[in-house]
Amino acid sequence: MPMTTTPDTHGSLPTTIREFLAAHVVRDPAAIRAFTPTAVVVDDGRTYRGTDEIVRFLAGAGAQFTYTTELVGVQHPDDRHWVATHRLAGDFPGGVAVLDYRFTTDGDLVSELVIG
């Protein structure tokens, strides 16, 4: 399947990923529903494995900063992979960052998320 890029829309993302991104922004622990029981999340040089570690990641990720996030692009390189590119602006060092949320899916759930 060809890679596609769609700026400024959640509409092209699968429901599970859209729901995760919405819950993640507000640090809602319900975001864990998006993941398989053995999922892996990699962020800021740390790896979180399984439900318990991912719940801790979701609760603490970015909690020390105030920021806004805007989805600026979506890529879908194949049936199992999605990339949601976000622009963050806030009071963290540097003030602005563009991060890719690289999702690998297993059926309707996320088996891996790499943020960077």
Protein backbone atom coordinates (compact mmCIF):
# COMPACT_ATOMS: atom_id res chain seq x y z
CA MET A 1 0.00 0.00 0.00
CA PRO A 2 1.45 3.43 -0.87
CA MET A 3 2.42 5.88 1.84
CA THR A 4 -0.05 8.69 2.27
CA THR A 5 0.24 11.95 4.15
CA THR A 6 -2.83 13.83 5.32
CA PRO A 7 -2.19 17.05 7.25
CA ASP A 8 -4.35 18.24 10.16
CA THR A 9 -6.79 15.38 10.42
CA HIS A 10 -7.44 12.45 12.72
CA GLY A 11 -9.96 11.10 10.21
CA SER A 12 -7.52 8.91 8.32
CA LEU A 13 -6.19 7.20 11.47
CA PRO A 14 -7.75 3.98 12.77
CA THR A 15 -10.25 4.45 15.60
CA THR A 16 -7.94 2.81 18.16
CA ILE A 17 -5.11 5.24 17.39
CA ARG A 18 -7.44 8.27 17.35
CA GLU A 19 -8.84 7.27 20.74
CA PHE A 20 -5.35 6.68 22.14
CA LEU A 21 -4.10 10.10 20.98
CA ALA A 22 -7.12 11.86 22.51
CA ALA A 23 -6.71 10.02 25.83
CA HIS A 24 -2.94 10.52 25.86
CA VAL A 25 -3.25 14.31 25.58
CA VAL A 26 -5.30 14.45 28.79
CA ARG A 27 -3.32 11.64 30.47
CA ASP A 28 -6.39 9.43 30.70
CA PRO A 29 -5.36 5.93 31.84
CA ALA A 30 -8.12 4.54 29.61
CA ALA A 31 -5.61 5.02 26.77
CA ILE A 32 -4.20 1.63 27.78
CA ARG A 33 -7.18 -0.01 26.02
CA ALA A 34 -5.43 0.74 22.71
CA PHE A 35 -2.56 -1.66 23.48
CA THR A 36 -2.06 -5.41 23.35
CA PRO A 37 -1.14 -6.97 26.73
CA THR A 38 2.47 -7.41 25.56
CA ALA A 39 2.83 -4.05 23.82
CA VAL A 40 6.01 -1.98 23.90
CA VAL A 41 6.30 1.82 24.07
CA VAL A 42 9.61 3.60 23.44
CA ASP A 43 9.88 7.28 24.36
CA ASP A 44 12.76 9.55 25.28
CA GLY A 45 15.27 6.68 25.37
CA ARG A 46 13.14 4.50 27.67
CA THR A 47 11.30 1.30 26.86
CA TYR A 48 8.05 0.35 28.60
CA ARG A 49 6.86 -3.24 28.25
CA GLY A 50 3.42 -4.59 29.05
CA THR A 51 0.31 -3.02 30.48
CA ASP A 52 1.63 -2.00 33.93
CA GLU A 53 4.71 -0.17 32.59
CA ILE A 54 2.71 1.51 29.81
CA VAL A 55 0.13 2.77 32.34
CA ARG A 56 3.00 4.38 34.31
CA PHE A 57 4.34 5.91 31.08
CA LEU A 58 0.91 7.30 30.17
CA ALA A 59 0.49 8.89 33.60
CA GLY A 60 3.86 10.63 33.57
CA ALA A 61 4.69 11.47 29.95
CA GLY A 62 5.13 15.23 29.69
CA ALA A 63 3.40 15.83 33.05
CA GLN A 64 6.02 18.34 34.15
CA PHE A 65 5.27 20.66 31.20
CA THR A 66 2.35 22.61 29.81
CA TYR A 67 2.01 22.30 26.07
CA THR A 68 -0.33 22.13 23.12
CA THR A 69 -0.23 19.47 20.47
CA GLU A 70 -1.41 19.55 16.88
CA LEU A 71 -1.57 16.64 14.47
CA VAL A 72 0.20 17.90 11.35
CA GLY A 73 0.53 14.74 9.29
CA VAL A 74 -0.39 11.09 8.93
CA GLN A 75 1.53 8.40 7.09
CA HIS A 76 0.36 4.85 6.42
CA PRO A 77 3.28 2.92 4.92
CA ASP A 78 1.53 -0.48 5.09
CA ASP A 79 -1.39 -2.32 6.68
CA ARG A 80 0.24 -2.58 10.13
CA HIS A 81 2.08 0.74 10.43
CA TRP A 82 0.92 4.30 11.00
CA VAL A 83 2.88 7.48 11.73
CA ALA A 84 1.10 10.43 13.35
CA THR A 85 3.28 13.55 13.30
CA HIS A 86 2.55 16.11 16.02
CA ARG A 87 3.81 19.63 16.59
CA LEU A 88 4.14 20.42 20.29
CA ALA A 89 4.57 23.94 21.67
CA GLY A 90 5.01 24.67 25.35
CA ASP A 91 7.23 25.42 28.30
CA PHE A 92 9.60 22.48 27.78
CA PRO A 93 13.25 23.07 26.75
CA GLY A 94 13.30 24.42 23.20
CA GLY A 95 9.61 25.35 23.32
CA VAL A 96 8.66 23.61 20.06
CA ALA A 97 9.08 20.02 18.94
CA VAL A 98 7.85 17.89 16.07
CA LEU A 99 7.41 14.26 17.11
CA ASP A 100 6.49 11.18 15.13
CA TYR A 101 4.29 8.65 16.91
CA ARG A 102 5.12 5.42 15.06
CA PHE A 103 2.44 2.80 15.63
CA THR A 104 2.58 -0.91 14.81
CA THR A 105 -0.79 -2.59 15.02
CA ASP A 106 -1.86 -6.15 15.70
CA GLY A 107 -5.43 -6.39 14.54
CA ASP A 108 -7.28 -3.44 16.06
CA LEU A 109 -4.74 -2.89 18.86
CA VAL A 110 -1.31 -1.27 19.10
CA SER A 111 1.56 -3.70 19.64
CA GLU A 112 4.32 -1.06 19.52
CA LEU A 113 4.58 2.71 19.77
CA VAL A 114 7.85 4.54 19.20
CA ILE A 115 7.81 8.29 19.88
CA GLY A 116 10.57 10.49 18.56
